[in-house]
């Protein structure tokens, strides 16, 4: 099963999903499509080669135009907000730089800007991180700008290399299919999803943002 990101409303629910998948033998992956694109693969290969030198800092900026006021992404009850919708990409990307910075980053501080009239849901969020080796990280997300999230099918450059303009959404199902059919390694499985949700929860708490709660759909 390919699950939309983020994996759950909080880390506790993510652990329940991971345990249920383990217990029933279901293959589950979280849909962070960007991790499967050749741009990301090449970036990680460069870091592994040591060519760029020591990782000292990493920043992720994600911004999109504001969804309509009635959009579910502005609902705290539906686990909405900038961090849950787009900021999770930045946190996930920085987590996956851990192998070149002595481990996963820890949260140092966070702050947010609430959406006016939407019950405290975050319109923007900034999180400051630090890796065990001392490198710093910053994730910024804003869900109410005139900009749009840069996508590798629009800009596929690392230095002077061009690595393919197929959308990362096409690489993701291929990777998941290889995992199901051939038991190929999967980098966005349940354990990875839980770790990302733990970090998302920490950012919410540090920024004073309302915790996301589970909701039960009404049935007829």
N, C-alpha and C. Protein backbone atom coordinates (compact mmCIF):
# COMPACT_ATOMS: atom_id res chain seq x y z
N UNK A 1 0.84 -1.18 0.00
CA UNK A 1 0.00 0.00 0.00
C UNK A 1 0.88 1.24 0.00
N UNK A 2 0.63 2.16 -0.93
CA UNK A 2 1.36 3.41 -0.99
C UNK A 2 0.51 4.48 -0.31
N UNK A 3 0.98 4.98 0.84
CA UNK A 3 0.22 5.92 1.65
C UNK A 3 0.61 7.35 1.33
N UNK A 4 -0.37 8.21 1.19
CA UNK A 4 -0.07 9.63 1.00
C UNK A 4 0.68 10.16 2.21
N UNK A 5 1.53 11.15 1.96
CA UNK A 5 2.25 11.79 3.07
C UNK A 5 1.37 12.90 3.65
N UNK A 6 1.57 13.32 4.91
CA UNK A 6 2.32 12.56 5.91
C UNK A 6 1.55 11.30 6.30
N UNK A 7 2.28 10.36 6.87
CA UNK A 7 1.81 9.00 7.10
C UNK A 7 0.60 8.91 8.00
N UNK A 8 0.48 9.85 8.95
CA UNK A 8 -0.58 9.80 9.96
C UNK A 8 -0.74 11.18 10.57
N UNK A 9 -1.65 11.31 11.55
CA UNK A 9 -1.82 12.62 12.19
C UNK A 9 -0.72 12.90 13.20
N UNK A 10 -0.13 11.85 13.77
CA UNK A 10 0.96 12.03 14.72
C UNK A 10 1.80 10.75 14.77
N UNK A 11 2.87 10.79 15.56
CA UNK A 11 3.79 9.65 15.63
C UNK A 11 3.11 8.41 16.22
N UNK A 12 2.22 8.61 17.19
CA UNK A 12 1.54 7.47 17.80
C UNK A 12 0.71 6.70 16.78
N UNK A 13 -0.03 7.42 15.96
CA UNK A 13 -0.83 6.75 14.93
C UNK A 13 0.07 6.10 13.89
N UNK A 14 1.19 6.75 13.56
CA UNK A 14 2.12 6.17 12.60
C UNK A 14 2.67 4.84 13.10
N UNK A 15 2.97 4.77 14.39
CA UNK A 15 3.47 3.51 14.96
C UNK A 15 2.39 2.42 14.89
N UNK A 16 1.13 2.79 15.10
CA UNK A 16 0.05 1.82 15.00
C UNK A 16 -0.07 1.26 13.59
N UNK A 17 0.05 2.15 12.59
CA UNK A 17 -0.02 1.70 11.19
C UNK A 17 1.15 0.77 10.89
N UNK A 18 2.34 1.15 11.34
CA UNK A 18 3.52 0.32 11.09
C UNK A 18 3.37 -1.06 11.73
N UNK A 19 2.85 -1.09 12.94
CA UNK A 19 2.67 -2.37 13.63
C UNK A 19 1.60 -3.21 12.96
N UNK A 20 0.51 -2.58 12.53
CA UNK A 20 -0.55 -3.32 11.84
C UNK A 20 -0.03 -3.91 10.53
N UNK A 21 0.79 -3.14 9.81
CA UNK A 21 1.36 -3.64 8.56
C UNK A 21 2.27 -4.83 8.82
N UNK A 22 3.09 -4.72 9.88
CA UNK A 22 3.99 -5.83 10.23
C UNK A 22 3.20 -7.07 10.61
N UNK A 23 2.15 -6.87 11.42
CA UNK A 23 1.38 -7.99 11.93
C UNK A 23 0.64 -8.74 10.81
N UNK A 24 0.19 -8.00 9.81
CA UNK A 24 -0.61 -8.62 8.74
C UNK A 24 0.21 -8.87 7.47
N UNK A 25 1.48 -8.58 7.52
CA UNK A 25 2.33 -8.84 6.36
C UNK A 25 2.02 -7.97 5.16
N UNK A 26 1.61 -6.73 5.42
CA UNK A 26 1.28 -5.79 4.34
C UNK A 26 2.47 -4.87 4.09
N UNK A 27 2.83 -4.70 2.85
CA UNK A 27 3.92 -3.78 2.50
C UNK A 27 3.35 -2.37 2.41
N UNK A 28 3.91 -1.46 3.20
CA UNK A 28 3.43 -0.09 3.25
C UNK A 28 4.59 0.86 3.01
N UNK A 29 4.33 1.88 2.20
CA UNK A 29 5.34 2.90 1.95
C UNK A 29 4.69 4.27 2.00
N UNK A 30 5.46 5.26 2.42
CA UNK A 30 4.98 6.64 2.47
C UNK A 30 5.36 7.35 1.18
N UNK A 31 4.46 8.16 0.66
CA UNK A 31 4.63 8.74 -0.68
C UNK A 31 5.44 10.04 -0.68
N UNK A 32 6.70 9.95 -0.32
CA UNK A 32 7.62 11.06 -0.51
C UNK A 32 8.31 10.84 -1.85
N UNK A 33 7.63 11.29 -2.90
CA UNK A 33 8.07 10.99 -4.27
C UNK A 33 9.44 11.56 -4.60
N UNK A 34 9.80 12.70 -3.99
CA UNK A 34 11.06 13.36 -4.34
C UNK A 34 12.29 12.50 -4.04
N UNK A 35 12.20 11.60 -3.07
CA UNK A 35 13.33 10.77 -2.70
C UNK A 35 13.73 9.82 -3.82
N UNK A 36 12.80 9.53 -4.74
CA UNK A 36 13.05 8.55 -5.79
C UNK A 36 13.56 9.17 -7.09
N UNK A 37 13.63 10.49 -7.16
CA UNK A 37 14.03 11.14 -8.39
C UNK A 37 15.56 11.11 -8.56
N UNK A 38 16.07 11.02 -9.82
CA UNK A 38 17.51 11.01 -10.04
C UNK A 38 18.24 12.22 -9.48
N UNK A 39 17.57 13.36 -9.36
CA UNK A 39 18.22 14.53 -8.75
C UNK A 39 18.63 14.21 -7.31
N UNK A 40 17.71 13.62 -6.55
CA UNK A 40 18.02 13.27 -5.16
C UNK A 40 19.06 12.16 -5.11
N UNK A 41 18.92 11.16 -5.98
CA UNK A 41 19.89 10.07 -6.01
C UNK A 41 21.29 10.59 -6.29
N UNK A 42 21.40 11.52 -7.24
CA UNK A 42 22.71 12.08 -7.59
C UNK A 42 23.25 12.94 -6.44
N UNK A 43 22.40 13.71 -5.80
CA UNK A 43 22.84 14.52 -4.66
C UNK A 43 23.43 13.64 -3.58
N UNK A 44 22.75 12.55 -3.26
CA UNK A 44 23.25 11.63 -2.24
C UNK A 44 24.56 10.96 -2.67
N UNK A 45 24.66 10.66 -3.96
CA UNK A 45 25.90 10.06 -4.47
C UNK A 45 27.06 11.04 -4.36
N UNK A 46 26.81 12.30 -4.64
CA UNK A 46 27.85 13.32 -4.50
C UNK A 46 28.32 13.44 -3.05
N UNK A 47 27.37 13.46 -2.13
CA UNK A 47 27.73 13.53 -0.72
C UNK A 47 28.53 12.31 -0.30
N UNK A 48 28.13 11.14 -0.79
CA UNK A 48 28.83 9.91 -0.44
C UNK A 48 30.25 9.89 -0.99
N UNK A 49 30.46 10.53 -2.14
CA UNK A 49 31.79 10.57 -2.76
C UNK A 49 32.75 11.48 -2.02
N UNK A 50 32.21 12.41 -1.24
CA UNK A 50 33.05 13.38 -0.55
C UNK A 50 33.46 14.56 -1.40
N UNK A 51 33.04 14.57 -2.66
CA UNK A 51 33.44 15.64 -3.58
C UNK A 51 33.05 17.04 -3.11
N UNK A 52 31.84 17.24 -2.58
CA UNK A 52 31.48 18.59 -2.14
C UNK A 52 32.15 18.98 -0.82
N UNK A 53 32.80 18.04 -0.15
CA UNK A 53 33.37 18.31 1.16
C UNK A 53 32.40 17.99 2.28
N UNK A 54 32.68 18.47 3.45
CA UNK A 54 31.87 18.17 4.64
C UNK A 54 30.54 18.91 4.58
N UNK A 55 29.48 18.21 4.96
CA UNK A 55 28.16 18.84 5.03
C UNK A 55 28.13 19.77 6.24
N UNK A 56 27.91 21.05 6.00
CA UNK A 56 27.90 22.04 7.08
C UNK A 56 26.52 22.62 7.34
N UNK A 57 25.73 22.75 6.29
CA UNK A 57 24.38 23.29 6.48
C UNK A 57 23.50 22.83 5.33
N UNK A 58 22.22 22.76 5.60
CA UNK A 58 21.24 22.39 4.59
C UNK A 58 19.95 23.17 4.86
N UNK A 59 19.36 23.68 3.80
CA UNK A 59 18.13 24.44 3.92
C UNK A 59 17.11 23.92 2.92
N UNK A 60 15.86 23.89 3.33
CA UNK A 60 14.76 23.49 2.45
C UNK A 60 13.67 24.55 2.55
N UNK A 61 13.33 25.14 1.43
CA UNK A 61 12.27 26.14 1.36
C UNK A 61 11.17 25.64 0.46
N UNK A 62 9.96 25.59 0.98
CA UNK A 62 8.81 25.10 0.21
C UNK A 62 7.69 26.12 0.33
N UNK A 63 7.17 26.56 -0.82
CA UNK A 63 6.13 27.58 -0.81
C UNK A 63 5.15 27.33 -1.95
N UNK A 64 3.88 27.57 -1.68
CA UNK A 64 2.84 27.42 -2.69
C UNK A 64 1.83 28.55 -2.53
N UNK A 65 1.06 28.84 -3.57
CA UNK A 65 -0.03 29.81 -3.43
C UNK A 65 -1.08 29.28 -2.45
N UNK A 66 -1.77 30.18 -1.81
CA UNK A 66 -2.75 29.79 -0.79
C UNK A 66 -3.91 29.02 -1.41
N UNK A 67 -4.24 27.85 -0.86
CA UNK A 67 -5.46 27.14 -1.29
C UNK A 67 -6.69 27.98 -0.93
N UNK A 68 -7.83 27.69 -1.52
CA UNK A 68 -9.06 28.41 -1.17
C UNK A 68 -9.36 28.29 0.32
N UNK A 69 -10.09 29.25 0.86
CA UNK A 69 -10.37 29.27 2.30
C UNK A 69 -11.07 27.99 2.77
N UNK A 70 -11.89 27.39 1.94
CA UNK A 70 -12.61 26.19 2.35
C UNK A 70 -11.84 24.90 2.13
N UNK A 71 -10.60 25.00 1.70
CA UNK A 71 -9.80 23.80 1.42
C UNK A 71 -9.52 23.02 2.71
N UNK A 72 -9.59 21.69 2.68
CA UNK A 72 -9.34 20.88 3.88
C UNK A 72 -7.96 21.11 4.49
N UNK A 73 -7.00 21.61 3.70
CA UNK A 73 -5.66 21.85 4.23
C UNK A 73 -5.61 22.97 5.24
N UNK A 74 -6.69 23.74 5.34
CA UNK A 74 -6.77 24.79 6.36
C UNK A 74 -7.52 24.31 7.60
N UNK A 75 -7.79 23.05 7.71
CA UNK A 75 -8.56 22.51 8.83
C UNK A 75 -7.67 21.80 9.84
N UNK A 76 -7.65 22.29 11.08
CA UNK A 76 -6.92 21.60 12.15
C UNK A 76 -7.53 20.23 12.39
N UNK A 77 -8.86 20.14 12.34
CA UNK A 77 -9.55 18.87 12.59
C UNK A 77 -9.17 17.81 11.58
N UNK A 78 -8.78 18.23 10.37
CA UNK A 78 -8.38 17.29 9.32
C UNK A 78 -6.86 17.21 9.20
N UNK A 79 -6.17 17.62 10.27
CA UNK A 79 -4.70 17.53 10.34
C UNK A 79 -4.04 18.37 9.26
N UNK A 80 -4.60 19.55 9.00
CA UNK A 80 -4.05 20.42 7.97
C UNK A 80 -2.95 21.33 8.48
N UNK A 81 -2.56 22.25 7.62
CA UNK A 81 -1.50 23.20 7.96
C UNK A 81 -0.31 23.08 7.03
N UNK A 82 0.50 24.14 7.00
CA UNK A 82 1.65 24.18 6.10
C UNK A 82 2.66 23.08 6.40
N UNK A 83 2.90 22.81 7.67
CA UNK A 83 3.89 21.79 8.02
C UNK A 83 3.45 20.41 7.54
N UNK A 84 2.18 20.08 7.76
CA UNK A 84 1.68 18.77 7.37
C UNK A 84 1.61 18.62 5.85
N UNK A 85 1.29 19.71 5.13
CA UNK A 85 1.09 19.59 3.69
C UNK A 85 2.38 19.69 2.90
N UNK A 86 3.25 20.66 3.21
CA UNK A 86 4.47 20.84 2.42
C UNK A 86 5.75 20.81 3.26
N UNK A 87 5.67 21.27 4.51
CA UNK A 87 6.87 21.28 5.33
C UNK A 87 7.42 19.89 5.62
N UNK A 88 6.54 18.90 5.62
CA UNK A 88 6.98 17.52 5.85
C UNK A 88 7.99 17.08 4.81
N UNK A 89 7.90 17.61 3.58
CA UNK A 89 8.89 17.28 2.55
C UNK A 89 10.29 17.73 2.98
N UNK A 90 10.38 18.95 3.49
CA UNK A 90 11.68 19.46 3.91
C UNK A 90 12.27 18.69 5.07
N UNK A 91 11.43 18.38 6.07
CA UNK A 91 11.91 17.60 7.21
C UNK A 91 12.39 16.23 6.76
N UNK A 92 11.63 15.59 5.88
CA UNK A 92 12.00 14.27 5.38
C UNK A 92 13.31 14.34 4.60
N UNK A 93 13.46 15.36 3.75
CA UNK A 93 14.68 15.50 2.96
C UNK A 93 15.91 15.69 3.84
N UNK A 94 15.79 16.52 4.88
CA UNK A 94 16.92 16.74 5.76
C UNK A 94 17.22 15.51 6.61
N UNK A 95 16.20 14.77 7.01
CA UNK A 95 16.43 13.52 7.73
C UNK A 95 17.31 12.58 6.91
N UNK A 96 17.09 12.57 5.59
CA UNK A 96 17.83 11.66 4.73
C UNK A 96 19.22 12.16 4.37
N UNK A 97 19.65 13.27 4.96
CA UNK A 97 21.04 13.70 4.86
C UNK A 97 21.85 13.19 6.04
N UNK A 98 21.18 12.54 6.98
CA UNK A 98 21.84 12.04 8.19
C UNK A 98 23.08 11.19 7.96
N UNK A 99 23.10 10.30 6.94
CA UNK A 99 24.28 9.46 6.74
C UNK A 99 25.57 10.25 6.52
N UNK A 100 25.46 11.52 6.10
CA UNK A 100 26.66 12.34 5.86
C UNK A 100 26.83 13.42 6.91
N UNK A 101 26.14 13.27 8.03
CA UNK A 101 26.26 14.24 9.12
C UNK A 101 26.21 13.54 10.47
N UNK A 102 26.65 12.27 10.51
CA UNK A 102 26.74 11.48 11.74
C UNK A 102 25.40 11.12 12.36
N UNK A 103 24.32 11.20 11.58
CA UNK A 103 23.03 10.79 12.11
C UNK A 103 21.92 11.77 11.81
N UNK A 104 20.72 11.40 12.19
CA UNK A 104 19.55 12.22 11.92
C UNK A 104 19.59 13.53 12.70
N UNK A 105 18.99 14.58 12.17
CA UNK A 105 18.99 15.86 12.87
C UNK A 105 18.00 15.90 14.03
N UNK A 106 18.31 16.74 14.99
CA UNK A 106 17.42 16.98 16.13
C UNK A 106 16.86 18.39 16.03
N UNK A 107 15.66 18.57 16.51
CA UNK A 107 15.03 19.89 16.47
C UNK A 107 15.63 20.79 17.54
N UNK A 108 15.97 22.03 17.16
CA UNK A 108 16.44 23.03 18.12
C UNK A 108 15.35 24.04 18.47
N UNK A 109 14.63 24.50 17.47
CA UNK A 109 13.55 25.46 17.71
C UNK A 109 12.62 25.49 16.52
N UNK A 110 11.44 26.04 16.74
CA UNK A 110 10.47 26.18 15.65
C UNK A 110 9.53 27.34 15.94
N UNK A 111 9.04 27.94 14.89
CA UNK A 111 8.06 29.02 15.03
C UNK A 111 7.12 28.95 13.84
N UNK A 112 5.90 29.44 14.05
CA UNK A 112 4.91 29.37 12.99
C UNK A 112 4.09 30.64 12.89
N UNK A 113 3.39 30.78 11.77
CA UNK A 113 2.46 31.89 11.56
C UNK A 113 1.08 31.29 11.32
N UNK A 114 0.10 31.59 12.18
CA UNK A 114 -1.23 30.99 12.01
C UNK A 114 -1.99 31.61 10.86
N UNK A 115 -2.92 30.85 10.31
CA UNK A 115 -3.81 31.33 9.26
C UNK A 115 -4.96 32.09 9.92
N UNK A 116 -5.15 33.33 9.56
CA UNK A 116 -6.18 34.16 10.17
C UNK A 116 -7.55 33.52 9.99
N UNK A 117 -8.27 33.41 11.10
CA UNK A 117 -9.64 32.92 11.07
C UNK A 117 -9.80 31.43 10.86
N UNK A 118 -8.70 30.66 11.00
CA UNK A 118 -8.79 29.23 10.75
C UNK A 118 -8.42 28.40 11.98
N UNK A 119 -8.71 28.91 13.15
CA UNK A 119 -8.56 28.11 14.37
C UNK A 119 -7.14 27.76 14.74
N UNK A 120 -6.18 28.58 14.33
CA UNK A 120 -4.80 28.35 14.75
C UNK A 120 -4.00 27.45 13.84
N UNK A 121 -4.55 26.98 12.71
CA UNK A 121 -3.79 26.14 11.80
C UNK A 121 -2.64 26.96 11.23
N UNK A 122 -1.48 26.33 11.06
CA UNK A 122 -0.30 27.07 10.63
C UNK A 122 -0.33 27.36 9.13
N UNK A 123 -0.11 28.64 8.80
CA UNK A 123 0.00 29.10 7.42
C UNK A 123 1.45 29.00 6.94
N UNK A 124 2.37 29.15 7.89
CA UNK A 124 3.80 29.05 7.60
C UNK A 124 4.50 28.50 8.83
N UNK A 125 5.65 27.87 8.61
CA UNK A 125 6.40 27.29 9.72
C UNK A 125 7.89 27.30 9.38
N UNK A 126 8.70 27.53 10.41
CA UNK A 126 10.16 27.45 10.27
C UNK A 126 10.70 26.57 11.38
N UNK A 127 11.56 25.62 11.02
CA UNK A 127 12.17 24.72 12.00
C UNK A 127 13.69 24.76 11.85
N UNK A 128 14.38 24.91 12.97
CA UNK A 128 15.85 24.90 12.99
C UNK A 128 16.32 23.57 13.58
N UNK A 129 17.21 22.91 12.85
CA UNK A 129 17.69 21.59 13.22
C UNK A 129 19.20 21.59 13.36
N UNK A 130 19.71 20.57 14.04
CA UNK A 130 21.16 20.39 14.13
C UNK A 130 21.48 18.91 14.05
N UNK A 131 22.48 18.59 13.21
CA UNK A 131 22.92 17.22 13.04
C UNK A 131 23.99 16.89 14.09
N UNK A 132 24.17 15.59 14.41
CA UNK A 132 25.14 15.21 15.45
C UNK A 132 26.56 15.71 15.18
N UNK A 133 26.96 15.81 13.91
CA UNK A 133 28.32 16.26 13.59
C UNK A 133 28.46 17.77 13.62
N UNK A 134 27.36 18.48 13.90
CA UNK A 134 27.43 19.94 14.03
C UNK A 134 26.80 20.71 12.89
N UNK A 135 26.51 20.06 11.78
CA UNK A 135 25.86 20.76 10.67
C UNK A 135 24.48 21.26 11.08
N UNK A 136 24.09 22.38 10.52
CA UNK A 136 22.79 22.96 10.84
C UNK A 136 21.81 22.73 9.70
N UNK A 137 20.53 22.79 10.02
CA UNK A 137 19.49 22.64 9.02
C UNK A 137 18.34 23.58 9.29
N UNK A 138 17.74 24.08 8.24
CA UNK A 138 16.56 24.95 8.36
C UNK A 138 15.52 24.48 7.36
N UNK A 139 14.30 24.32 7.83
CA UNK A 139 13.17 24.01 6.95
C UNK A 139 12.17 25.15 7.06
N UNK A 140 11.83 25.75 5.94
CA UNK A 140 10.82 26.81 5.90
C UNK A 140 9.71 26.38 4.96
N UNK A 141 8.49 26.61 5.38
CA UNK A 141 7.37 26.32 4.49
C UNK A 141 6.33 27.41 4.64
N UNK A 142 5.71 27.75 3.52
CA UNK A 142 4.70 28.82 3.51
C UNK A 142 3.61 28.42 2.52
N UNK A 143 2.40 28.34 3.01
CA UNK A 143 1.28 27.88 2.19
C UNK A 143 0.38 29.04 1.76
N UNK A 144 0.97 30.24 1.71
CA UNK A 144 0.18 31.41 1.29
C UNK A 144 1.09 32.43 0.62
N UNK A 145 1.76 32.02 -0.46
CA UNK A 145 2.65 32.93 -1.18
C UNK A 145 2.28 32.95 -2.66
N UNK A 146 2.96 33.81 -3.40
CA UNK A 146 2.76 33.86 -4.85
C UNK A 146 3.70 32.89 -5.56
N UNK A 147 4.54 32.19 -4.79
CA UNK A 147 5.50 31.26 -5.36
C UNK A 147 4.89 29.88 -5.49
N UNK A 148 5.64 28.97 -6.11
CA UNK A 148 5.21 27.59 -6.20
C UNK A 148 6.40 26.70 -5.87
N UNK A 149 6.12 25.54 -5.32
CA UNK A 149 7.14 24.58 -4.92
C UNK A 149 7.94 24.13 -6.14
N UNK A 150 9.26 24.34 -6.11
CA UNK A 150 10.12 23.93 -7.21
C UNK A 150 10.08 22.42 -7.35
N UNK A 151 9.85 21.94 -8.57
CA UNK A 151 9.72 20.51 -8.82
C UNK A 151 10.80 20.06 -9.80
N UNK A 152 11.34 18.84 -9.64
CA UNK A 152 12.41 18.40 -10.51
C UNK A 152 12.00 18.17 -11.95
N UNK A 153 10.69 18.07 -12.24
CA UNK A 153 10.31 17.97 -13.64
C UNK A 153 10.31 19.33 -14.32
N UNK A 154 10.52 20.40 -13.53
CA UNK A 154 10.66 21.74 -14.09
C UNK A 154 12.11 22.20 -14.06
N UNK A 155 12.85 21.80 -13.03
CA UNK A 155 14.25 22.20 -12.90
C UNK A 155 15.03 21.04 -12.33
N UNK A 156 15.85 20.41 -13.17
CA UNK A 156 16.51 19.16 -12.78
C UNK A 156 18.01 19.33 -12.62
N UNK A 157 18.48 20.51 -12.23
CA UNK A 157 19.90 20.77 -12.23
C UNK A 157 20.57 20.53 -10.87
N UNK A 158 21.73 19.90 -10.91
CA UNK A 158 22.71 19.93 -9.82
C UNK A 158 24.00 20.35 -10.48
N UNK A 159 24.49 21.51 -10.13
CA UNK A 159 25.63 22.10 -10.82
C UNK A 159 25.32 22.19 -12.32
N UNK A 160 26.04 21.44 -13.16
CA UNK A 160 25.79 21.53 -14.60
C UNK A 160 25.21 20.24 -15.14
N UNK A 161 24.78 19.37 -14.27
CA UNK A 161 24.25 18.09 -14.72
C UNK A 161 22.74 18.18 -14.93
N UNK A 162 22.27 17.43 -15.94
CA UNK A 162 20.84 17.30 -16.16
C UNK A 162 20.47 15.83 -16.00
N UNK A 163 19.52 15.56 -15.15
CA UNK A 163 19.29 14.20 -14.71
C UNK A 163 17.91 13.66 -15.05
N UNK A 164 17.20 14.33 -15.93
CA UNK A 164 15.92 13.79 -16.38
C UNK A 164 14.73 14.56 -15.87
N UNK A 165 13.83 14.91 -16.78
CA UNK A 165 12.68 15.74 -16.40
C UNK A 165 11.39 14.96 -16.23
N UNK A 166 11.49 13.65 -16.12
CA UNK A 166 10.29 12.89 -15.74
C UNK A 166 9.88 13.32 -14.34
N UNK A 167 8.59 13.48 -14.08
CA UNK A 167 8.15 13.84 -12.73
C UNK A 167 8.56 12.77 -11.72
N UNK A 168 8.90 13.21 -10.52
CA UNK A 168 9.27 12.25 -9.48
C UNK A 168 8.11 11.34 -9.12
N UNK A 169 6.88 11.77 -9.41
CA UNK A 169 5.72 10.91 -9.15
C UNK A 169 5.76 9.64 -9.99
N UNK A 170 6.50 9.66 -11.12
CA UNK A 170 6.58 8.45 -11.95
C UNK A 170 7.63 7.48 -11.42
N UNK A 171 8.68 7.99 -10.78
CA UNK A 171 9.71 7.11 -10.22
C UNK A 171 9.21 6.40 -8.96
N UNK A 172 8.36 7.08 -8.21
CA UNK A 172 7.89 6.52 -6.94
C UNK A 172 7.12 5.21 -7.11
N UNK A 173 6.09 5.13 -7.99
CA UNK A 173 5.39 3.85 -8.14
C UNK A 173 6.28 2.75 -8.70
N UNK A 174 7.27 3.13 -9.52
CA UNK A 174 8.20 2.14 -10.03
C UNK A 174 9.02 1.53 -8.90
N UNK A 175 9.46 2.40 -7.97
CA UNK A 175 10.23 1.92 -6.83
C UNK A 175 9.37 1.02 -5.94
N UNK A 176 8.12 1.41 -5.74
CA UNK A 176 7.24 0.61 -4.88
C UNK A 176 6.92 -0.73 -5.55
N UNK A 177 6.71 -0.71 -6.87
CA UNK A 177 6.43 -1.95 -7.59
C UNK A 177 7.62 -2.90 -7.51
N UNK A 178 8.83 -2.36 -7.60
CA UNK A 178 10.03 -3.20 -7.49
C UNK A 178 10.14 -3.79 -6.09
N UNK A 179 9.70 -3.03 -5.10
CA UNK A 179 9.72 -3.53 -3.72
C UNK A 179 8.75 -4.70 -3.56
N UNK A 180 7.56 -4.56 -4.13
CA UNK A 180 6.54 -5.61 -4.00
C UNK A 180 6.90 -6.84 -4.82
N UNK A 181 7.35 -6.63 -6.04
CA UNK A 181 7.58 -7.75 -6.96
C UNK A 181 8.94 -8.42 -6.77
N UNK A 182 9.95 -7.61 -6.44
CA UNK A 182 11.32 -8.13 -6.40
C UNK A 182 11.97 -8.01 -5.03
N UNK A 183 11.21 -7.52 -4.05
CA UNK A 183 11.73 -7.32 -2.70
C UNK A 183 12.90 -6.33 -2.70
N UNK A 184 12.88 -5.37 -3.62
CA UNK A 184 13.91 -4.33 -3.65
C UNK A 184 13.82 -3.47 -2.39
N UNK A 185 14.94 -2.96 -1.89
CA UNK A 185 14.91 -2.12 -0.69
C UNK A 185 14.01 -0.90 -0.90
N UNK A 186 13.35 -0.49 0.17
CA UNK A 186 12.46 0.66 0.11
C UNK A 186 12.85 1.65 1.19
N UNK A 187 13.07 2.90 0.81
CA UNK A 187 13.59 3.90 1.75
C UNK A 187 12.49 4.68 2.46
N UNK A 188 11.23 4.46 2.09
CA UNK A 188 10.14 5.21 2.71
C UNK A 188 9.14 4.27 3.36
N UNK A 189 9.63 3.22 4.00
CA UNK A 189 8.78 2.26 4.67
C UNK A 189 8.27 2.77 6.01
N UNK A 190 7.58 1.92 6.76
CA UNK A 190 6.96 2.34 8.01
C UNK A 190 7.93 2.95 9.02
N UNK A 191 9.12 2.38 9.18
CA UNK A 191 10.06 2.92 10.17
C UNK A 191 10.47 4.34 9.80
N UNK A 192 10.69 4.59 8.53
CA UNK A 192 11.03 5.93 8.07
C UNK A 192 9.87 6.88 8.30
N UNK A 193 8.65 6.43 8.05
CA UNK A 193 7.46 7.26 8.24
C UNK A 193 7.28 7.64 9.71
N UNK A 194 7.51 6.70 10.59
CA UNK A 194 7.38 6.98 12.03
C UNK A 194 8.40 8.04 12.44
N UNK A 195 9.65 7.90 11.96
CA UNK A 195 10.69 8.86 12.33
C UNK A 195 10.35 10.26 11.84
N UNK A 196 9.77 10.37 10.65
CA UNK A 196 9.38 11.68 10.15
C UNK A 196 8.24 12.27 10.98
N UNK A 197 7.25 11.43 11.35
CA UNK A 197 6.14 11.93 12.16
C UNK A 197 6.59 12.37 13.54
N UNK A 198 7.59 11.69 14.11
CA UNK A 198 8.14 12.12 15.40
C UNK A 198 8.68 13.55 15.27
N UNK A 199 9.42 13.82 14.20
CA UNK A 199 9.97 15.15 13.99
C UNK A 199 8.88 16.18 13.72
N UNK A 200 7.86 15.82 12.96
CA UNK A 200 6.74 16.74 12.71
C UNK A 200 6.05 17.09 14.03
N UNK A 201 5.82 16.10 14.89
CA UNK A 201 5.20 16.36 16.19
C UNK A 201 6.05 17.32 17.02
N UNK A 202 7.36 17.13 17.00
CA UNK A 202 8.26 17.99 17.77
C UNK A 202 8.20 19.43 17.27
N UNK A 203 8.13 19.61 15.95
CA UNK A 203 8.03 20.96 15.39
C UNK A 203 6.72 21.61 15.80
N UNK A 204 5.61 20.87 15.71
CA UNK A 204 4.33 21.42 16.13
C UNK A 204 4.37 21.88 17.59
N UNK A 205 4.91 21.03 18.47
CA UNK A 205 4.95 21.39 19.89
C UNK A 205 5.84 22.60 20.14
N UNK A 206 7.01 22.62 19.49
CA UNK A 206 7.95 23.72 19.70
C UNK A 206 7.41 25.05 19.19
N UNK A 207 6.58 25.00 18.13
CA UNK A 207 6.01 26.22 17.56
C UNK A 207 4.72 26.64 18.25
N UNK A 208 4.25 25.83 19.19
CA UNK A 208 3.00 26.15 19.87
C UNK A 208 1.79 25.95 19.00
N UNK A 209 1.92 25.13 17.97
CA UNK A 209 0.81 24.87 17.05
C UNK A 209 -0.11 23.81 17.65
N UNK A 210 -1.42 23.92 17.45
CA UNK A 210 -2.33 22.91 18.03
C UNK A 210 -1.97 21.51 17.56
N UNK A 211 -1.94 20.55 18.45
CA UNK A 211 -1.65 19.17 18.04
C UNK A 211 -2.74 18.66 17.11
N UNK A 212 -2.34 17.84 16.17
CA UNK A 212 -3.31 17.26 15.26
C UNK A 212 -3.98 16.08 15.94
N UNK A 213 -5.29 15.98 15.83
CA UNK A 213 -6.06 14.94 16.48
C UNK A 213 -6.66 14.00 15.44
N UNK A 214 -6.90 12.77 15.87
CA UNK A 214 -7.56 11.84 14.98
C UNK A 214 -9.04 12.20 14.83
N UNK A 215 -9.57 11.92 13.66
CA UNK A 215 -10.99 12.16 13.42
C UNK A 215 -11.62 10.86 12.94
N UNK A 216 -12.89 10.69 13.25
CA UNK A 216 -13.61 9.52 12.80
C UNK A 216 -14.66 9.95 11.78
N UNK A 217 -14.62 9.37 10.62
CA UNK A 217 -15.57 9.73 9.58
C UNK A 217 -16.97 9.24 9.95
N UNK A 218 -17.95 10.09 9.74
CA UNK A 218 -19.34 9.71 10.02
C UNK A 218 -19.82 8.71 8.98
N UNK A 219 -20.60 7.76 9.41
CA UNK A 219 -21.15 6.77 8.47
C UNK A 219 -22.67 6.87 8.47
N UNK A 220 -23.24 6.57 7.32
CA UNK A 220 -24.70 6.67 7.19
C UNK A 220 -25.41 5.55 7.88
